[in-house]
Amino acid sequence: MRFLVDVCVGKRLATWLKEQGNDVCEVRERSAKMPDNEILQWAYTEKLIVITADKDFGTLAVLLKQPHNGIIRLPDVSAIKKQYLMKEILSKHEKDIEKGAIITVSENRVRIRYS
């Protein structure tokens, strides 16, 4: 899979995703201060799935109807737990990811939404 990892998610998850054989870009490679709408546009243009902790991406995708290829949100989750949760998401929700879902994951809940 192809991912764009937001700065707020951290390098550890990006490195782990690469080790699993995924194509991973990191926002920090271009600019740590890139606005969310530009991140979403970059991801859409290059067919990348955004991984973030930021709820603004849901607003951009749902309320403002900005196109995207999928968004995975990991709010309020420790760095170590992010890796575990991503492993679960990739194994259980691959079809949702491929369909461009917005997936919000907490330690005890997965919410899947299509915009």
Protein backbone atom coordinates (compact mmCIF):
# COMPACT_ATOMS: atom_id res chain seq x y z
CA MET A 1 0.00 0.00 0.00
CA ARG A 2 1.00 3.61 -0.45
CA PHE A 3 0.91 5.94 2.55
CA LEU A 4 1.62 9.56 3.40
CA VAL A 5 2.50 9.84 7.09
CA ASP A 6 1.73 13.16 8.77
CA VAL A 7 4.30 14.73 11.10
CA CYS A 8 2.02 14.29 14.14
CA VAL A 9 2.06 10.50 13.73
CA GLY A 10 5.81 10.20 14.04
CA LYS A 11 8.74 8.61 12.28
CA ARG A 12 8.52 5.29 14.15
CA LEU A 13 5.29 4.29 12.38
CA ALA A 14 6.61 5.41 8.99
CA THR A 15 9.73 3.29 9.46
CA TRP A 16 7.68 0.28 10.51
CA LEU A 17 5.35 0.63 7.51
CA LYS A 18 8.39 0.73 5.19
CA GLU A 19 9.80 -2.40 6.86
CA GLN A 20 6.48 -4.14 6.09
CA GLY A 21 7.01 -3.45 2.38
CA ASN A 22 4.73 -0.44 1.97
CA ASP A 23 5.50 2.63 -0.13
CA VAL A 24 5.71 5.42 2.45
CA CYS A 25 6.20 9.17 2.08
CA GLU A 26 6.50 11.46 5.07
CA VAL A 27 5.18 15.02 5.23
CA ARG A 28 8.37 16.03 7.09
CA GLU A 29 10.30 15.24 3.86
CA ARG A 30 8.72 18.32 2.24
CA SER A 31 7.77 20.57 5.14
CA ALA A 32 6.93 19.96 8.79
CA LYS A 33 4.57 22.95 8.61
CA MET A 34 2.63 21.97 5.48
CA PRO A 35 -1.07 22.90 5.79
CA ASP A 36 -3.54 20.01 6.02
CA ASN A 37 -5.30 20.88 2.77
CA GLU A 38 -1.97 20.73 0.92
CA ILE A 39 -1.16 17.38 2.53
CA LEU A 40 -4.50 15.97 1.42
CA GLN A 41 -3.98 17.33 -2.11
CA TRP A 42 -0.48 15.80 -2.28
CA ALA A 43 -1.85 12.45 -1.13
CA TYR A 44 -4.72 12.56 -3.61
CA THR A 45 -2.48 13.52 -6.53
CA GLU A 46 0.01 10.74 -5.80
CA LYS A 47 -2.63 8.16 -4.76
CA LEU A 48 -1.46 7.95 -1.14
CA ILE A 49 -3.48 7.13 1.97
CA VAL A 50 -3.00 9.74 4.70
CA ILE A 51 -2.11 8.56 8.21
CA THR A 52 -2.60 11.27 10.80
CA ALA A 53 -3.75 12.06 14.32
CA ASP A 54 -5.36 15.31 13.19
CA LYS A 55 -9.17 15.53 13.03
CA ASP A 56 -9.04 18.36 10.49
CA PHE A 57 -8.60 15.83 7.69
CA GLY A 58 -12.08 14.48 8.35
CA THR A 59 -13.46 17.99 8.09
CA LEU A 60 -11.64 18.58 4.81
CA ALA A 61 -12.83 15.29 3.34
CA VAL A 62 -16.40 15.16 4.65
CA LEU A 63 -17.58 18.73 5.11
CA LEU A 64 -15.50 20.44 2.44
CA LYS A 65 -15.61 17.46 0.07
CA GLN A 66 -11.88 17.61 -0.69
CA PRO A 67 -10.96 14.48 -2.68
CA HIS A 68 -8.79 11.84 -1.05
CA ASN A 69 -7.67 8.23 -1.37
CA GLY A 70 -8.37 7.33 2.24
CA ILE A 71 -7.49 8.65 5.67
CA ILE A 72 -6.45 6.70 8.75
CA ARG A 73 -6.64 8.65 12.00
CA LEU A 74 -4.82 7.52 15.12
CA PRO A 75 -5.71 10.19 17.71
CA ASP A 76 -4.53 10.00 21.31
CA VAL A 77 -2.53 6.80 20.81
CA SER A 78 1.03 6.23 22.02
CA ALA A 79 3.79 5.66 19.46
CA ILE A 80 4.11 1.98 20.34
CA LYS A 81 0.35 1.43 20.22
CA LYS A 82 0.12 3.11 16.77
CA GLN A 83 2.18 0.31 15.26
CA TYR A 84 0.00 -2.37 16.84
CA LEU A 85 -3.22 -0.66 15.75
CA MET A 86 -1.95 -0.18 12.18
CA LYS A 87 -1.14 -3.87 12.01
CA GLU A 88 -4.72 -4.64 13.03
CA ILE A 89 -6.18 -2.13 10.57
CA LEU A 90 -4.12 -3.48 7.69
CA SER A 91 -5.13 -7.06 8.43
CA LYS A 92 -8.83 -6.49 9.16
CA HIS A 93 -9.79 -3.45 7.08
CA GLU A 94 -7.70 -3.68 3.90
CA LYS A 95 -10.78 -3.55 1.64
CA ASP A 96 -12.08 -0.43 3.41
CA ILE A 97 -8.67 1.21 3.01
CA GLU A 98 -8.60 0.35 -0.69
CA LYS A 99 -12.07 1.88 -1.11
CA GLY A 100 -10.89 5.21 0.32
CA ALA A 101 -12.54 5.04 3.73
CA ILE A 102 -11.87 7.40 6.58
CA ILE A 103 -10.87 5.15 9.47
CA THR A 104 -10.55 6.51 12.98
CA VAL A 105 -8.91 4.21 15.49
CA SER A 106 -8.65 4.47 19.24
CA GLU A 107 -7.41 1.87 21.67
CA ASN A 108 -10.86 0.28 21.93
CA ARG A 109 -12.80 1.35 18.83
CA VAL A 110 -12.57 1.46 15.03
CA ARG A 111 -14.88 3.82 13.15
CA ILE A 112 -15.15 3.52 9.37
CA ARG A 113 -16.78 6.21 7.28
CA TYR A 114 -17.05 6.81 3.57
CA SER A 115 -17.26 10.37 2.30
